[in-house]
Amino acid sequence: MFDPQHVITTAENLRRLVPPPRPAQETKVLAALDTHCRRWIQRSPFVVISSVDLAGNMDLSPKGDPPGFVQILNNTTVAIPDRPGNRRLDTLNNLLQQPKVGLMFIVPGRGEVLRVSGTGQIVTDPDLLSTMTVARQSPRLALVVTIDEVMFHCGKSVIRSKLWSPCEWPDIEGLASYAECLGDQTTSDETVTQMEARFASWQEGNELY
């Protein structure tokens, strides 16, 4: 635990601990995608979406596909295909209540990330969805985000974590598999063995789309 006397509750006290950012960090927030942002999104195979419902419950949802899977419709609009997943619809249900979202685009091997904030809509336009076809499968819907702000985030956290350095990765021996976690934490209509077999098929490219 910690001593509650040492909790920061004002922006003034917070700034006393952390000096102001450099001018480039103060001015790096853009209102639209520029060439650098567009190229980053076109190379990114992975994006994390943050959303929140009206009660303040937050959700983070990872999305991944071949690099460039996020469509750049124009300099202030991107579209993210919704592929088959756990079918909980946490992000999409949040959007129906509160359409504000945050995106974090990752490019393997690079320490920096691209951050986007904006307003999301759930779209079923067949012409748009047909441009997102992978393995002969088009998504049933897409998340279209109108951008409010976009910025690059420095790579210090990735550098410190050694995220792209396999020799520095932690030992995963003894970590339960996803199926084992579900077996212990949930009520399932499958055995752990059945889940292990199904998840293994994903690694072979089955049932991904």
N, C-alpha and C. Protein backbone atom coordinates (compact mmCIF):
# COMPACT_ATOMS: atom_id res chain seq x y z
N MET A 1 0.84 -1.20 0.00
CA MET A 1 0.00 0.00 0.00
C MET A 1 0.88 1.25 0.00
N PHE A 2 0.23 2.41 0.12
CA PHE A 2 0.97 3.67 0.12
C PHE A 2 0.32 4.63 1.11
N ASP A 3 1.08 5.65 1.48
CA ASP A 3 0.61 6.66 2.41
C ASP A 3 -0.31 7.62 1.64
N PRO A 4 -1.60 7.73 2.00
CA PRO A 4 -2.52 8.61 1.28
C PRO A 4 -2.15 10.08 1.34
N GLN A 5 -1.23 10.45 2.24
CA GLN A 5 -0.78 11.85 2.27
C GLN A 5 0.05 12.19 1.03
N HIS A 6 0.53 11.16 0.36
CA HIS A 6 1.40 11.38 -0.79
C HIS A 6 0.66 11.16 -2.11
N VAL A 7 -0.57 11.62 -2.18
CA VAL A 7 -1.37 11.54 -3.41
C VAL A 7 -1.48 12.92 -4.02
N ILE A 8 -1.14 13.05 -5.30
CA ILE A 8 -1.23 14.33 -6.01
C ILE A 8 -2.67 14.53 -6.47
N THR A 9 -3.23 15.67 -6.17
CA THR A 9 -4.64 15.94 -6.50
C THR A 9 -4.84 17.20 -7.33
N THR A 10 -3.76 17.94 -7.63
CA THR A 10 -3.90 19.15 -8.44
C THR A 10 -2.87 19.17 -9.55
N ALA A 11 -3.22 19.84 -10.66
CA ALA A 11 -2.30 19.97 -11.78
C ALA A 11 -1.06 20.77 -11.38
N GLU A 12 -1.23 21.71 -10.47
CA GLU A 12 -0.11 22.53 -10.02
C GLU A 12 0.93 21.68 -9.31
N ASN A 13 0.48 20.82 -8.42
CA ASN A 13 1.42 19.95 -7.71
C ASN A 13 2.08 18.94 -8.65
N LEU A 14 1.32 18.48 -9.63
CA LEU A 14 1.88 17.54 -10.61
C LEU A 14 2.99 18.20 -11.40
N ARG A 15 2.80 19.45 -11.81
CA ARG A 15 3.82 20.15 -12.61
C ARG A 15 5.06 20.47 -11.79
N ARG A 16 4.91 20.58 -10.49
CA ARG A 16 6.09 20.80 -9.64
C ARG A 16 7.04 19.60 -9.72
N LEU A 17 6.49 18.43 -9.92
CA LEU A 17 7.32 17.22 -10.00
C LEU A 17 7.90 16.99 -11.39
N VAL A 18 7.15 17.37 -12.41
CA VAL A 18 7.55 17.11 -13.80
C VAL A 18 7.72 18.43 -14.52
N PRO A 19 8.93 18.73 -15.04
CA PRO A 19 9.15 20.00 -15.74
C PRO A 19 8.35 20.06 -17.04
N PRO A 20 8.13 21.26 -17.56
CA PRO A 20 7.37 21.41 -18.80
C PRO A 20 8.04 20.69 -19.96
N PRO A 21 7.25 20.23 -20.95
CA PRO A 21 7.83 19.55 -22.11
C PRO A 21 8.59 20.52 -23.01
N ARG A 22 9.41 19.96 -23.87
CA ARG A 22 10.12 20.76 -24.85
C ARG A 22 9.13 21.33 -25.87
N PRO A 23 9.50 22.40 -26.58
CA PRO A 23 8.57 23.03 -27.54
C PRO A 23 8.01 22.05 -28.58
N ALA A 24 8.85 21.12 -29.06
CA ALA A 24 8.36 20.18 -30.07
C ALA A 24 7.23 19.31 -29.52
N GLN A 25 7.32 18.95 -28.22
CA GLN A 25 6.28 18.14 -27.62
C GLN A 25 5.00 18.95 -27.38
N GLU A 26 5.16 20.22 -27.13
CA GLU A 26 4.00 21.08 -26.93
C GLU A 26 3.22 21.29 -28.23
N THR A 27 3.94 21.30 -29.34
CA THR A 27 3.33 21.70 -30.62
C THR A 27 3.12 20.55 -31.59
N LYS A 28 3.34 19.30 -31.16
CA LYS A 28 3.30 18.18 -32.11
C LYS A 28 1.90 17.67 -32.41
N VAL A 29 0.89 18.14 -31.70
CA VAL A 29 -0.47 17.66 -31.92
C VAL A 29 -1.04 18.26 -33.21
N LEU A 30 -1.47 17.37 -34.12
CA LEU A 30 -2.03 17.80 -35.40
C LEU A 30 -3.54 17.56 -35.42
N ALA A 31 -4.21 18.28 -36.30
CA ALA A 31 -5.66 18.11 -36.45
C ALA A 31 -6.01 17.18 -37.60
N ALA A 32 -4.99 16.75 -38.35
CA ALA A 32 -5.23 15.87 -39.50
C ALA A 32 -3.96 15.08 -39.79
N LEU A 33 -4.10 14.02 -40.56
CA LEU A 33 -2.95 13.21 -40.95
C LEU A 33 -2.08 13.96 -41.95
N ASP A 34 -0.77 13.95 -41.71
CA ASP A 34 0.15 14.45 -42.73
C ASP A 34 0.82 13.25 -43.39
N THR A 35 1.82 13.49 -44.23
CA THR A 35 2.47 12.40 -44.95
C THR A 35 3.08 11.37 -44.01
N HIS A 36 3.72 11.82 -42.94
CA HIS A 36 4.35 10.90 -42.00
C HIS A 36 3.31 10.02 -41.31
N CYS A 37 2.20 10.61 -40.90
CA CYS A 37 1.15 9.84 -40.24
C CYS A 37 0.53 8.83 -41.18
N ARG A 38 0.30 9.23 -42.42
CA ARG A 38 -0.30 8.32 -43.39
C ARG A 38 0.62 7.12 -43.65
N ARG A 39 1.90 7.38 -43.81
CA ARG A 39 2.83 6.29 -44.06
C ARG A 39 2.89 5.33 -42.88
N TRP A 40 2.82 5.87 -41.67
CA TRP A 40 2.87 5.03 -40.48
C TRP A 40 1.66 4.09 -40.45
N ILE A 41 0.48 4.63 -40.66
CA ILE A 41 -0.74 3.82 -40.64
C ILE A 41 -0.69 2.76 -41.74
N GLN A 42 -0.15 3.11 -42.90
CA GLN A 42 -0.05 2.16 -44.00
C GLN A 42 0.90 1.01 -43.71
N ARG A 43 1.85 1.21 -42.79
CA ARG A 43 2.80 0.16 -42.41
C ARG A 43 2.38 -0.61 -41.16
N SER A 44 1.35 -0.15 -40.49
CA SER A 44 0.98 -0.72 -39.20
C SER A 44 0.07 -1.93 -39.36
N PRO A 45 0.43 -3.08 -38.73
CA PRO A 45 -0.45 -4.25 -38.72
C PRO A 45 -1.25 -4.39 -37.43
N PHE A 46 -1.15 -3.39 -36.54
CA PHE A 46 -1.72 -3.55 -35.20
C PHE A 46 -2.12 -2.20 -34.64
N VAL A 47 -3.37 -2.12 -34.15
CA VAL A 47 -3.85 -0.90 -33.52
C VAL A 47 -4.64 -1.28 -32.28
N VAL A 48 -4.52 -0.47 -31.23
CA VAL A 48 -5.30 -0.66 -30.00
C VAL A 48 -6.33 0.45 -29.93
N ILE A 49 -7.58 0.07 -29.65
CA ILE A 49 -8.69 1.03 -29.61
C ILE A 49 -9.15 1.19 -28.16
N SER A 50 -9.22 2.41 -27.69
CA SER A 50 -9.76 2.68 -26.35
C SER A 50 -11.13 3.32 -26.49
N SER A 51 -12.03 2.93 -25.58
CA SER A 51 -13.38 3.49 -25.58
C SER A 51 -13.91 3.49 -24.15
N VAL A 52 -15.02 4.19 -23.95
CA VAL A 52 -15.59 4.29 -22.60
C VAL A 52 -17.10 4.43 -22.72
N ASP A 53 -17.86 3.81 -21.80
CA ASP A 53 -19.30 3.97 -21.84
C ASP A 53 -19.73 5.15 -20.96
N LEU A 54 -21.01 5.41 -20.89
CA LEU A 54 -21.50 6.58 -20.17
C LEU A 54 -21.26 6.47 -18.67
N ALA A 55 -21.07 5.25 -18.16
CA ALA A 55 -20.80 5.07 -16.74
C ALA A 55 -19.32 5.20 -16.42
N GLY A 56 -18.49 5.40 -17.45
CA GLY A 56 -17.06 5.56 -17.23
C GLY A 56 -16.28 4.26 -17.29
N ASN A 57 -16.94 3.16 -17.64
CA ASN A 57 -16.25 1.88 -17.78
C ASN A 57 -15.43 1.89 -19.06
N MET A 58 -14.15 1.58 -18.94
CA MET A 58 -13.23 1.70 -20.07
C MET A 58 -12.94 0.35 -20.70
N ASP A 59 -12.55 0.38 -21.97
CA ASP A 59 -12.21 -0.84 -22.70
C ASP A 59 -11.02 -0.55 -23.61
N LEU A 60 -10.12 -1.53 -23.71
CA LEU A 60 -9.03 -1.48 -24.67
C LEU A 60 -9.14 -2.72 -25.55
N SER A 61 -9.18 -2.53 -26.85
CA SER A 61 -9.37 -3.65 -27.76
C SER A 61 -8.29 -3.65 -28.83
N PRO A 62 -7.52 -4.76 -28.97
CA PRO A 62 -6.50 -4.84 -30.01
C PRO A 62 -7.11 -5.28 -31.34
N LYS A 63 -6.62 -4.71 -32.44
CA LYS A 63 -7.05 -5.10 -33.78
C LYS A 63 -5.80 -5.33 -34.63
N GLY A 64 -5.79 -6.42 -35.37
CA GLY A 64 -4.63 -6.71 -36.19
C GLY A 64 -5.00 -7.36 -37.51
N ASP A 65 -4.19 -7.10 -38.53
CA ASP A 65 -4.40 -7.62 -39.87
C ASP A 65 -3.12 -7.31 -40.66
N PRO A 66 -3.07 -7.67 -41.94
CA PRO A 66 -1.88 -7.31 -42.73
C PRO A 66 -1.63 -5.81 -42.70
N PRO A 67 -0.35 -5.39 -42.76
CA PRO A 67 -0.03 -3.95 -42.72
C PRO A 67 -0.87 -3.15 -43.71
N GLY A 68 -1.37 -2.02 -43.24
CA GLY A 68 -2.22 -1.19 -44.07
C GLY A 68 -3.68 -1.56 -44.01
N PHE A 69 -4.06 -2.44 -43.09
CA PHE A 69 -5.46 -2.87 -43.03
C PHE A 69 -6.40 -1.75 -42.64
N VAL A 70 -5.89 -0.73 -41.94
CA VAL A 70 -6.72 0.43 -41.61
C VAL A 70 -6.77 1.34 -42.83
N GLN A 71 -7.96 1.56 -43.34
CA GLN A 71 -8.15 2.38 -44.53
C GLN A 71 -8.07 3.87 -44.19
N ILE A 72 -7.28 4.61 -44.95
CA ILE A 72 -7.25 6.07 -44.82
C ILE A 72 -8.22 6.63 -45.85
N LEU A 73 -9.37 7.09 -45.39
CA LEU A 73 -10.40 7.59 -46.31
C LEU A 73 -10.09 9.01 -46.77
N ASN A 74 -9.55 9.81 -45.86
CA ASN A 74 -9.04 11.13 -46.19
C ASN A 74 -8.16 11.55 -45.01
N ASN A 75 -7.69 12.78 -45.00
CA ASN A 75 -6.73 13.19 -43.97
C ASN A 75 -7.33 13.32 -42.58
N THR A 76 -8.64 13.22 -42.46
CA THR A 76 -9.26 13.30 -41.14
C THR A 76 -10.16 12.10 -40.85
N THR A 77 -10.07 11.05 -41.67
CA THR A 77 -10.96 9.91 -41.48
C THR A 77 -10.25 8.60 -41.77
N VAL A 78 -10.35 7.64 -40.84
CA VAL A 78 -9.81 6.30 -41.06
C VAL A 78 -10.91 5.28 -40.78
N ALA A 79 -10.77 4.09 -41.37
CA ALA A 79 -11.76 3.03 -41.19
C ALA A 79 -11.04 1.74 -40.79
N ILE A 80 -11.54 1.10 -39.74
CA ILE A 80 -10.92 -0.11 -39.20
C ILE A 80 -11.91 -1.27 -39.36
N PRO A 81 -11.54 -2.32 -40.11
CA PRO A 81 -12.44 -3.46 -40.25
C PRO A 81 -12.63 -4.20 -38.94
N ASP A 82 -13.83 -4.70 -38.71
CA ASP A 82 -14.10 -5.48 -37.51
C ASP A 82 -14.12 -6.96 -37.89
N ARG A 83 -13.06 -7.68 -37.53
CA ARG A 83 -12.93 -9.09 -37.86
C ARG A 83 -13.56 -9.96 -36.77
N PRO A 84 -13.80 -11.25 -37.07
CA PRO A 84 -14.34 -12.15 -36.04
C PRO A 84 -13.45 -12.18 -34.81
N GLY A 85 -14.07 -12.11 -33.64
CA GLY A 85 -13.32 -12.12 -32.39
C GLY A 85 -14.12 -12.83 -31.31
N ASN A 86 -14.12 -12.26 -30.11
CA ASN A 86 -14.82 -12.92 -29.00
C ASN A 86 -16.31 -12.63 -28.97
N ARG A 87 -16.77 -11.72 -29.85
CA ARG A 87 -18.18 -11.38 -30.01
C ARG A 87 -18.80 -10.70 -28.78
N ARG A 88 -17.95 -10.17 -27.89
CA ARG A 88 -18.47 -9.43 -26.74
C ARG A 88 -18.98 -8.05 -27.15
N LEU A 89 -18.36 -7.47 -28.19
CA LEU A 89 -18.77 -6.15 -28.70
C LEU A 89 -18.59 -5.03 -27.69
N ASP A 90 -17.59 -5.16 -26.82
CA ASP A 90 -17.37 -4.14 -25.80
C ASP A 90 -17.15 -2.76 -26.42
N THR A 91 -16.22 -2.68 -27.37
CA THR A 91 -15.91 -1.38 -28.00
C THR A 91 -17.12 -0.81 -28.72
N LEU A 92 -17.79 -1.66 -29.50
CA LEU A 92 -18.91 -1.17 -30.32
C LEU A 92 -20.09 -0.74 -29.45
N ASN A 93 -20.36 -1.49 -28.38
CA ASN A 93 -21.43 -1.06 -27.48
C ASN A 93 -21.07 0.24 -26.77
N ASN A 94 -19.79 0.40 -26.42
CA ASN A 94 -19.38 1.68 -25.84
C ASN A 94 -19.62 2.83 -26.81
N LEU A 95 -19.31 2.61 -28.08
CA LEU A 95 -19.47 3.66 -29.08
C LEU A 95 -20.93 4.09 -29.22
N LEU A 96 -21.85 3.17 -29.05
CA LEU A 96 -23.26 3.53 -29.14
C LEU A 96 -23.67 4.46 -28.01
N GLN A 97 -22.92 4.43 -26.92
CA GLN A 97 -23.21 5.31 -25.78
C GLN A 97 -22.36 6.58 -25.80
N GLN A 98 -21.09 6.40 -26.13
CA GLN A 98 -20.12 7.50 -26.09
C GLN A 98 -19.15 7.31 -27.26
N PRO A 99 -19.28 8.10 -28.32
CA PRO A 99 -18.53 7.82 -29.55
C PRO A 99 -17.06 8.22 -29.55
N LYS A 100 -16.56 8.81 -28.48
CA LYS A 100 -15.15 9.20 -28.45
C LYS A 100 -14.26 7.96 -28.33
N VAL A 101 -13.20 7.91 -29.13
CA VAL A 101 -12.28 6.77 -29.10
C VAL A 101 -10.85 7.27 -29.19
N GLY A 102 -9.92 6.42 -28.76
CA GLY A 102 -8.49 6.66 -28.94
C GLY A 102 -7.89 5.48 -29.67
N LEU A 103 -6.90 5.75 -30.51
CA LEU A 103 -6.23 4.70 -31.28
C LEU A 103 -4.73 4.80 -31.04
N MET A 104 -4.06 3.64 -30.99
CA MET A 104 -2.60 3.62 -30.90
C MET A 104 -2.08 2.65 -31.96
N PHE A 105 -1.40 3.20 -32.97
CA PHE A 105 -0.88 2.40 -34.07
C PHE A 105 0.57 2.00 -33.79
N ILE A 106 0.85 0.71 -33.95
CA ILE A 106 2.18 0.16 -33.69
C ILE A 106 2.77 -0.40 -34.97
N VAL A 107 4.05 -0.14 -35.20
CA VAL A 107 4.80 -0.72 -36.32
C VAL A 107 5.91 -1.56 -35.72
N PRO A 108 5.94 -2.87 -35.98
CA PRO A 108 6.98 -3.73 -35.41
C PRO A 108 8.38 -3.22 -35.74
N GLY A 109 9.23 -3.22 -34.72
CA GLY A 109 10.60 -2.77 -34.89
C GLY A 109 10.83 -1.30 -34.62
N ARG A 110 9.75 -0.54 -34.50
CA ARG A 110 9.88 0.89 -34.21
C ARG A 110 9.42 1.16 -32.78
N GLY A 111 10.15 2.02 -32.08
CA GLY A 111 9.82 2.33 -30.70
C GLY A 111 8.66 3.29 -30.56
N GLU A 112 8.52 4.19 -31.53
CA GLU A 112 7.45 5.19 -31.44
C GLU A 112 6.09 4.55 -31.74
N VAL A 113 5.03 5.23 -31.33
CA VAL A 113 3.68 4.84 -31.72
C VAL A 113 2.97 6.10 -32.22
N LEU A 114 1.91 5.89 -32.97
CA LEU A 114 1.08 7.00 -33.45
C LEU A 114 -0.23 6.98 -32.69
N ARG A 115 -0.55 8.10 -32.06
CA ARG A 115 -1.77 8.22 -31.27
C ARG A 115 -2.80 9.06 -32.02
N VAL A 116 -4.04 8.58 -32.03
CA VAL A 116 -5.14 9.28 -32.68
C VAL A 116 -6.31 9.33 -31.71
N SER A 117 -6.97 10.47 -31.62
CA SER A 117 -8.23 10.56 -30.87
C SER A 117 -9.28 11.16 -31.79
N GLY A 118 -10.51 10.70 -31.61
CA GLY A 118 -11.56 11.20 -32.48
C GLY A 118 -12.92 10.63 -32.11
N THR A 119 -13.82 10.67 -33.08
CA THR A 119 -15.19 10.22 -32.89
C THR A 119 -15.47 9.05 -33.81
N GLY A 120 -16.01 7.97 -33.24
CA GLY A 120 -16.23 6.76 -34.02
C GLY A 120 -17.67 6.54 -34.41
N GLN A 121 -17.85 5.87 -35.56
CA GLN A 121 -19.16 5.45 -36.03
C GLN A 121 -19.06 4.00 -36.49
N ILE A 122 -20.14 3.24 -36.31
CA ILE A 122 -20.21 1.86 -36.78
C ILE A 122 -20.87 1.87 -38.16
N VAL A 123 -20.14 1.39 -39.17
CA VAL A 123 -20.57 1.55 -40.56
C VAL A 123 -20.70 0.19 -41.24
N THR A 124 -21.76 0.03 -42.06
CA THR A 124 -21.98 -1.22 -42.79
C THR A 124 -22.04 -1.00 -44.30
N ASP A 125 -21.48 0.09 -44.79
CA ASP A 125 -21.49 0.42 -46.22
C ASP A 125 -20.81 -0.70 -47.01
N PRO A 126 -21.51 -1.42 -47.88
CA PRO A 126 -20.91 -2.54 -48.60
C PRO A 126 -19.76 -2.14 -49.50
N ASP A 127 -19.81 -0.95 -50.06
CA ASP A 127 -18.71 -0.51 -50.93
C ASP A 127 -17.42 -0.34 -50.14
N LEU A 128 -17.53 0.21 -48.92
CA LEU A 128 -16.36 0.36 -48.07
C LEU A 128 -15.86 -1.00 -47.61
N LEU A 129 -16.78 -1.85 -47.15
CA LEU A 129 -16.39 -3.15 -46.62
C LEU A 129 -15.73 -4.02 -47.68
N SER A 130 -16.13 -3.86 -48.93
CA SER A 130 -15.53 -4.67 -50.00
C SER A 130 -14.07 -4.34 -50.21
N THR A 131 -13.64 -3.15 -49.83
CA THR A 131 -12.23 -2.77 -49.98
C THR A 131 -11.37 -3.35 -48.86
N MET A 132 -12.00 -4.00 -47.87
CA MET A 132 -11.31 -4.55 -46.71
C MET A 132 -11.27 -6.07 -46.75
N THR A 133 -11.49 -6.64 -47.90
CA THR A 133 -11.53 -8.09 -48.05
C THR A 133 -10.14 -8.70 -47.83
N VAL A 134 -10.07 -9.72 -46.99
CA VAL A 134 -8.86 -10.49 -46.75
C VAL A 134 -9.25 -11.96 -46.76
N ALA A 135 -8.47 -12.79 -47.44
CA ALA A 135 -8.78 -14.22 -47.54
C ALA A 135 -10.21 -14.44 -48.03
N ARG A 136 -10.62 -13.59 -48.98
CA ARG A 136 -11.95 -13.68 -49.61
C ARG A 136 -13.09 -13.37 -48.66
N GLN A 137 -12.78 -12.78 -47.51
CA GLN A 137 -13.80 -12.46 -46.53
C GLN A 137 -13.83 -10.96 -46.27
N SER A 138 -15.00 -10.38 -46.43
CA SER A 138 -15.18 -8.97 -46.09
C SER A 138 -15.75 -8.87 -44.67
N PRO A 139 -15.38 -7.84 -43.92
CA PRO A 139 -15.96 -7.68 -42.58
C PRO A 139 -17.44 -7.33 -42.66
N ARG A 140 -18.16 -7.62 -41.59
CA ARG A 140 -19.58 -7.28 -41.53
C ARG A 140 -19.78 -5.80 -41.25
N LEU A 141 -18.79 -5.19 -40.62
CA LEU A 141 -18.90 -3.78 -40.29
C LEU A 141 -17.50 -3.20 -40.11
N ALA A 142 -17.43 -1.89 -40.04
CA ALA A 142 -16.16 -1.19 -39.83
C ALA A 142 -16.38 -0.07 -38.84
N LEU A 143 -15.32 0.26 -38.13
CA LEU A 143 -15.31 1.42 -37.25
C LEU A 143 -14.67 2.57 -38.03
N VAL A 144 -15.44 3.59 -38.30
CA VAL A 144 -14.94 4.77 -39.00
C VAL A 144 -14.71 5.88 -37.98
N VAL A 145 -13.48 6.39 -37.95
CA VAL A 145 -13.10 7.39 -36.95
C VAL A 145 -12.81 8.72 -37.63
N THR A 146 -13.50 9.74 -37.19
CA THR A 146 -13.21 11.12 -37.62
C THR A 146 -12.20 11.70 -36.63
N ILE A 147 -11.06 12.12 -37.15
CA ILE A 147 -9.93 12.49 -36.29
C ILE A 147 -10.08 13.90 -35.71
N ASP A 148 -9.83 13.99 -34.40
CA ASP A 148 -9.74 15.29 -33.74
C ASP A 148 -8.27 15.68 -33.57
N GLU A 149 -7.47 14.72 -33.08
CA GLU A 149 -6.06 14.98 -32.83
C GLU A 149 -5.24 13.75 -33.22
N VAL A 150 -4.02 14.01 -33.68
CA VAL A 150 -3.09 12.93 -34.01
C VAL A 150 -1.68 13.39 -33.64
N MET A 151 -0.89 12.46 -33.09
CA MET A 151 0.49 12.81 -32.73
C MET A 151 1.34 11.56 -32.63
N PHE A 152 2.63 11.73 -32.85
CA PHE A 152 3.59 10.66 -32.58
C PHE A 152 3.99 10.70 -31.12
N HIS A 153 4.16 9.51 -30.54
CA HIS A 153 4.60 9.38 -29.15
C HIS A 153 6.00 8.80 -29.16
N CYS A 154 6.90 9.37 -28.38
CA CYS A 154 8.30 8.96 -28.39
C CYS A 154 8.47 7.50 -27.99
N GLY A 155 9.64 6.93 -28.29
CA GLY A 155 9.87 5.51 -28.12
C GLY A 155 10.48 5.09 -26.79
N LYS A 156 10.54 5.98 -25.80
CA LYS A 156 11.23 5.63 -24.55
C LYS A 156 10.64 4.39 -23.88
N SER A 157 9.31 4.27 -23.85
CA SER A 157 8.70 3.13 -23.15
C SER A 157 9.05 1.81 -23.85
N VAL A 158 9.04 1.82 -25.18
CA VAL A 158 9.39 0.60 -25.92
C VAL A 158 10.87 0.29 -25.76
N ILE A 159 11.70 1.31 -25.75
CA ILE A 159 13.14 1.10 -25.55
C ILE A 159 13.40 0.50 -24.17
N ARG A 160 12.77 1.05 -23.15
CA ARG A 160 12.95 0.54 -21.80
C ARG A 160 12.46 -0.90 -21.65
N SER A 161 11.36 -1.22 -22.33
CA SER A 161 10.77 -2.56 -22.20
C SER A 161 11.49 -3.61 -23.02
N LYS A 162 12.37 -3.18 -23.97
CA LYS A 162 13.05 -4.12 -24.88
C LYS A 162 12.03 -4.93 -25.68
N LEU A 163 10.95 -4.29 -26.06
CA LEU A 163 9.84 -4.98 -26.69
C LEU A 163 10.23 -5.72 -27.96
N TRP A 164 11.13 -5.15 -28.74
CA TRP A 164 11.52 -5.77 -30.01
C TRP A 164 12.87 -6.48 -29.92
N SER A 165 13.32 -6.77 -28.72
CA SER A 165 14.61 -7.45 -28.52
C SER A 165 14.37 -8.85 -27.94
N PRO A 166 14.25 -9.87 -28.79
CA PRO A 166 13.92 -11.22 -28.31
C PRO A 166 14.86 -11.73 -27.23
N CYS A 167 16.14 -11.36 -27.29
CA CYS A 167 17.08 -11.84 -26.28
C CYS A 167 16.78 -11.26 -24.90
N GLU A 168 15.98 -10.20 -24.85
CA GLU A 168 15.64 -9.56 -23.58
C GLU A 168 14.24 -9.95 -23.09
N TRP A 169 13.54 -10.75 -23.86
CA TRP A 169 12.18 -11.11 -23.48
C TRP A 169 12.17 -11.95 -22.21
N PRO A 170 11.14 -11.83 -21.36
CA PRO A 170 11.07 -12.62 -20.13
C PRO A 170 10.78 -14.09 -20.42
N ASP A 171 11.14 -14.93 -19.50
CA ASP A 171 10.86 -16.35 -19.61
C ASP A 171 9.35 -16.56 -19.43
N ILE A 172 8.69 -17.23 -20.38
CA ILE A 172 7.26 -17.46 -20.28
C ILE A 172 6.94 -18.87 -19.79
N GLU A 173 7.97 -19.62 -19.42
CA GLU A 173 7.75 -20.96 -18.88
C GLU A 173 6.89 -20.87 -17.61
N GLY A 174 5.85 -21.68 -17.56
CA GLY A 174 4.98 -21.68 -16.39
C GLY A 174 3.76 -20.79 -16.51
N LEU A 175 3.71 -19.92 -17.53
CA LEU A 175 2.52 -19.10 -17.73
C LEU A 175 1.41 -19.98 -18.30
N ALA A 176 0.23 -19.88 -17.73
CA ALA A 176 -0.89 -20.67 -18.23
C ALA A 176 -1.23 -20.26 -19.65
N SER A 177 -1.71 -21.22 -20.44
CA SER A 177 -2.18 -20.90 -21.78
C SER A 177 -3.51 -20.15 -21.68
N TYR A 178 -3.92 -19.55 -22.79
CA TYR A 178 -5.20 -18.84 -22.82
C TYR A 178 -6.33 -19.81 -22.47
N ALA A 179 -6.29 -21.02 -23.01
CA ALA A 179 -7.34 -22.00 -22.73
C ALA A 179 -7.35 -22.37 -21.24
N GLU A 180 -6.19 -22.51 -20.63
CA GLU A 180 -6.12 -22.83 -19.21
C GLU A 180 -6.70 -21.70 -18.36
N CYS A 181 -6.42 -20.47 -18.75
CA CYS A 181 -6.99 -19.33 -18.03
C CYS A 181 -8.52 -19.35 -18.12
N LEU A 182 -9.03 -19.55 -19.35
CA LEU A 182 -10.48 -19.59 -19.52
C LEU A 182 -11.09 -20.75 -18.74
N GLY A 183 -10.39 -21.90 -18.72
CA GLY A 183 -10.90 -23.04 -17.98
C GLY A 183 -11.05 -22.76 -16.50
N ASP A 184 -10.13 -21.98 -15.93
CA ASP A 184 -10.16 -21.66 -14.51
C ASP A 184 -11.07 -20.48 -14.18
N GLN A 185 -11.24 -19.56 -15.13
CA GLN A 185 -11.91 -18.29 -14.83
C GLN A 185 -13.35 -18.19 -15.32
N THR A 186 -13.78 -19.11 -16.18
CA THR A 186 -15.07 -18.96 -16.84
C THR A 186 -15.92 -20.22 -16.74
N THR A 187 -17.18 -20.05 -17.14
CA THR A 187 -18.06 -21.20 -17.40
C THR A 187 -18.07 -21.39 -18.90
N SER A 188 -17.53 -22.51 -19.38
CA SER A 188 -17.34 -22.72 -20.81
C SER A 188 -18.13 -23.92 -21.30
N ASP A 189 -18.50 -23.88 -22.60
CA ASP A 189 -19.15 -25.03 -23.22
C ASP A 189 -18.13 -25.96 -23.86
N GLU A 190 -16.82 -25.69 -23.62
CA GLU A 190 -15.75 -26.53 -24.15
C GLU A 190 -14.82 -26.95 -23.01
N THR A 191 -14.15 -28.07 -23.22
CA THR A 191 -13.09 -28.44 -22.29
C THR A 191 -11.84 -27.65 -22.64
N VAL A 192 -10.86 -27.64 -21.72
CA VAL A 192 -9.60 -26.97 -22.00
C VAL A 192 -8.93 -27.58 -23.23
N THR A 193 -8.98 -28.89 -23.37
CA THR A 193 -8.38 -29.57 -24.52
C THR A 193 -9.03 -29.12 -25.82
N GLN A 194 -10.35 -29.01 -25.83
CA GLN A 194 -11.05 -28.55 -27.03
C GLN A 194 -10.67 -27.11 -27.37
N MET A 195 -10.58 -26.27 -26.35
CA MET A 195 -10.18 -24.88 -26.60
C MET A 195 -8.76 -24.81 -27.12
N GLU A 196 -7.85 -25.61 -26.53
CA GLU A 196 -6.45 -25.61 -27.00
C GLU A 196 -6.39 -25.96 -28.47
N ALA A 197 -7.18 -26.95 -28.91
CA ALA A 197 -7.17 -27.37 -30.31
C ALA A 197 -7.71 -26.26 -31.20
N ARG A 198 -8.76 -25.59 -30.75
CA ARG A 198 -9.34 -24.52 -31.56
C ARG A 198 -8.38 -23.34 -31.68
N PHE A 199 -7.74 -22.97 -30.58
CA PHE A 199 -6.82 -21.85 -30.63
C PHE A 199 -5.58 -22.19 -31.45
N ALA A 200 -5.16 -23.45 -31.42
CA ALA A 200 -4.01 -23.86 -32.22
C ALA A 200 -4.32 -23.72 -33.72
N SER A 201 -5.58 -23.93 -34.09
CA SER A 201 -5.95 -23.79 -35.50
C SER A 201 -5.82 -22.36 -35.98
N TRP A 202 -5.97 -21.41 -35.04
CA TRP A 202 -5.79 -20.00 -35.41
C TRP A 202 -4.36 -19.76 -35.87
N GLN A 203 -3.40 -20.38 -35.18
CA GLN A 203 -1.99 -20.21 -35.53
C GLN A 203 -1.71 -20.71 -36.95
N GLU A 204 -2.53 -21.63 -37.41
CA GLU A 204 -2.37 -22.18 -38.76
C GLU A 204 -3.15 -21.37 -39.79
N GLY A 205 -3.78 -20.30 -39.33
CA GLY A 205 -4.52 -19.44 -40.24
C GLY A 205 -5.97 -19.81 -40.42
N ASN A 206 -6.48 -20.76 -39.63
CA ASN A 206 -7.87 -21.18 -39.74
C ASN A 206 -8.77 -20.32 -38.86
N GLU A 207 -9.97 -20.06 -39.32
CA GLU A 207 -11.00 -19.34 -38.57
C GLU A 207 -10.59 -17.91 -38.20
N LEU A 208 -9.64 -17.35 -38.91
CA LEU A 208 -9.25 -15.97 -38.60
C LEU A 208 -10.19 -14.97 -39.25
N TYR A 209 -10.82 -15.36 -40.36
CA TYR A 209 -11.69 -14.45 -41.06
C TYR A 209 -13.08 -15.07 -41.28
